[in-house]
């Protein structure tokens, strides 16, 4: 596999991960869970 192909594959993988994370943030119940966990750290 050439260096260019590896670079393209790495960029595609990074974009896929970022899209997955952004998709999770559109779910309100996930945001509530994360905020409750962060709040629990300070209690």
N, C-alpha and C. Protein backbone atom coordinates (compact mmCIF):
# COMPACT_ATOMS: atom_id res chain seq x y z
N UNK A 1 0.86 -1.18 0.00
CA UNK A 1 0.00 0.00 0.00
C UNK A 1 0.90 1.24 0.00
N UNK A 2 0.60 2.16 -0.87
CA UNK A 2 1.43 3.35 -0.98
C UNK A 2 1.16 4.33 0.15
N UNK A 3 2.06 5.27 0.30
CA UNK A 3 1.92 6.28 1.36
C UNK A 3 0.68 7.13 1.13
N UNK A 4 0.42 7.47 -0.13
CA UNK A 4 -0.76 8.29 -0.44
C UNK A 4 -2.05 7.55 -0.07
N UNK A 5 -2.11 6.27 -0.37
CA UNK A 5 -3.30 5.48 -0.05
C UNK A 5 -3.50 5.39 1.46
N UNK A 6 -2.42 5.24 2.21
CA UNK A 6 -2.52 5.20 3.67
C UNK A 6 -3.02 6.53 4.23
N UNK A 7 -2.53 7.62 3.66
CA UNK A 7 -2.97 8.95 4.09
C UNK A 7 -4.47 9.14 3.85
N UNK A 8 -4.90 8.76 2.65
CA UNK A 8 -6.32 8.89 2.32
C UNK A 8 -7.16 8.02 3.24
N UNK A 9 -6.72 6.81 3.50
CA UNK A 9 -7.44 5.91 4.39
C UNK A 9 -7.50 6.47 5.81
N UNK A 10 -6.42 7.08 6.27
CA UNK A 10 -6.40 7.68 7.60
C UNK A 10 -7.38 8.86 7.67
N UNK A 11 -7.42 9.68 6.65
CA UNK A 11 -8.35 10.82 6.62
C UNK A 11 -9.80 10.34 6.59
N UNK A 12 -10.07 9.32 5.81
CA UNK A 12 -11.43 8.78 5.73
C UNK A 12 -11.85 8.21 7.09
N UNK A 13 -10.95 7.50 7.75
CA UNK A 13 -11.26 6.95 9.07
C UNK A 13 -11.50 8.06 10.08
N UNK A 14 -10.69 9.11 10.05
CA UNK A 14 -10.86 10.23 10.98
C UNK A 14 -12.19 10.93 10.75
N UNK A 15 -12.56 11.14 9.51
CA UNK A 15 -13.84 11.79 9.20
C UNK A 15 -15.00 10.91 9.65
N UNK A 16 -14.88 9.61 9.47
CA UNK A 16 -15.95 8.69 9.89
C UNK A 16 -16.13 8.74 11.41
N UNK A 17 -15.03 8.77 12.15
CA UNK A 17 -15.11 8.86 13.61
C UNK A 17 -15.74 10.17 14.03
N UNK A 18 -15.34 11.27 13.41
CA UNK A 18 -15.91 12.58 13.76
C UNK A 18 -17.40 12.64 13.44
N UNK A 19 -17.81 12.09 12.32
CA UNK A 19 -19.23 12.08 11.98
C UNK A 19 -20.02 11.24 12.99
N UNK A 20 -19.44 10.15 13.43
CA UNK A 20 -20.10 9.33 14.45
C UNK A 20 -20.27 10.07 15.75
N UNK A 21 -19.24 10.79 16.17
CA UNK A 21 -19.32 11.57 17.41
C UNK A 21 -20.36 12.68 17.27
N UNK A 22 -20.35 13.38 16.17
CA UNK A 22 -21.33 14.45 15.97
C UNK A 22 -22.75 13.89 15.92
N UNK A 23 -22.94 12.71 15.37
CA UNK A 23 -24.26 12.09 15.33
C UNK A 23 -24.74 11.77 16.74
N UNK A 24 -23.83 11.36 17.61
CA UNK A 24 -24.21 11.07 19.00
C UNK A 24 -24.68 12.34 19.72
N UNK A 25 -24.09 13.47 19.40
CA UNK A 25 -24.46 14.71 20.07
C UNK A 25 -25.85 15.20 19.68
N UNK A 26 -26.44 14.64 18.64
CA UNK A 26 -27.79 15.05 18.25
C UNK A 26 -28.85 14.31 19.07
N UNK A 27 -28.43 13.35 19.90
CA UNK A 27 -29.37 12.59 20.73
C UNK A 27 -29.48 13.27 22.09
N UNK A 28 -30.63 13.82 22.45
CA UNK A 28 -30.78 14.56 23.70
C UNK A 28 -30.48 13.72 24.94
N UNK A 29 -30.87 12.45 24.94
CA UNK A 29 -30.64 11.63 26.13
C UNK A 29 -29.15 11.43 26.40
N UNK A 30 -28.35 11.41 25.35
CA UNK A 30 -26.90 11.29 25.53
C UNK A 30 -26.35 12.55 26.18
N UNK A 31 -26.82 13.71 25.72
CA UNK A 31 -26.34 14.96 26.30
C UNK A 31 -26.72 15.07 27.77
N UNK A 32 -27.90 14.61 28.14
CA UNK A 32 -28.33 14.64 29.54
C UNK A 32 -27.44 13.72 30.36
N UNK A 33 -27.15 12.54 29.86
CA UNK A 33 -26.31 11.59 30.58
C UNK A 33 -24.90 12.16 30.78
N UNK A 34 -24.34 12.74 29.74
CA UNK A 34 -22.99 13.31 29.86
C UNK A 34 -22.98 14.46 30.86
N UNK A 35 -23.99 15.33 30.81
CA UNK A 35 -24.02 16.45 31.74
C UNK A 35 -24.19 15.98 33.18
N UNK A 36 -24.97 14.92 33.40
CA UNK A 36 -25.12 14.38 34.74
C UNK A 36 -23.82 13.77 35.24
N UNK A 37 -23.08 13.11 34.37
CA UNK A 37 -21.80 12.52 34.77
C UNK A 37 -20.78 13.60 35.09
N UNK A 38 -20.76 14.67 34.31
CA UNK A 38 -19.83 15.77 34.58
C UNK A 38 -20.20 16.44 35.90
N UNK A 39 -21.49 16.65 36.13
CA UNK A 39 -21.96 17.27 37.36
C UNK A 39 -21.60 16.41 38.57
N UNK A 40 -21.67 15.09 38.42
CA UNK A 40 -21.35 14.17 39.53
C UNK A 40 -19.87 14.26 39.91
N UNK A 41 -19.02 14.69 39.03
CA UNK A 41 -17.61 14.82 39.35
C UNK A 41 -17.37 15.94 40.36
N UNK A 42 -18.24 16.91 40.42
CA UNK A 42 -18.04 18.08 41.28
C UNK A 42 -18.83 18.00 42.58
N UNK A 43 -19.51 16.90 42.82
CA UNK A 43 -20.28 16.78 44.05
C UNK A 43 -19.54 15.98 45.07
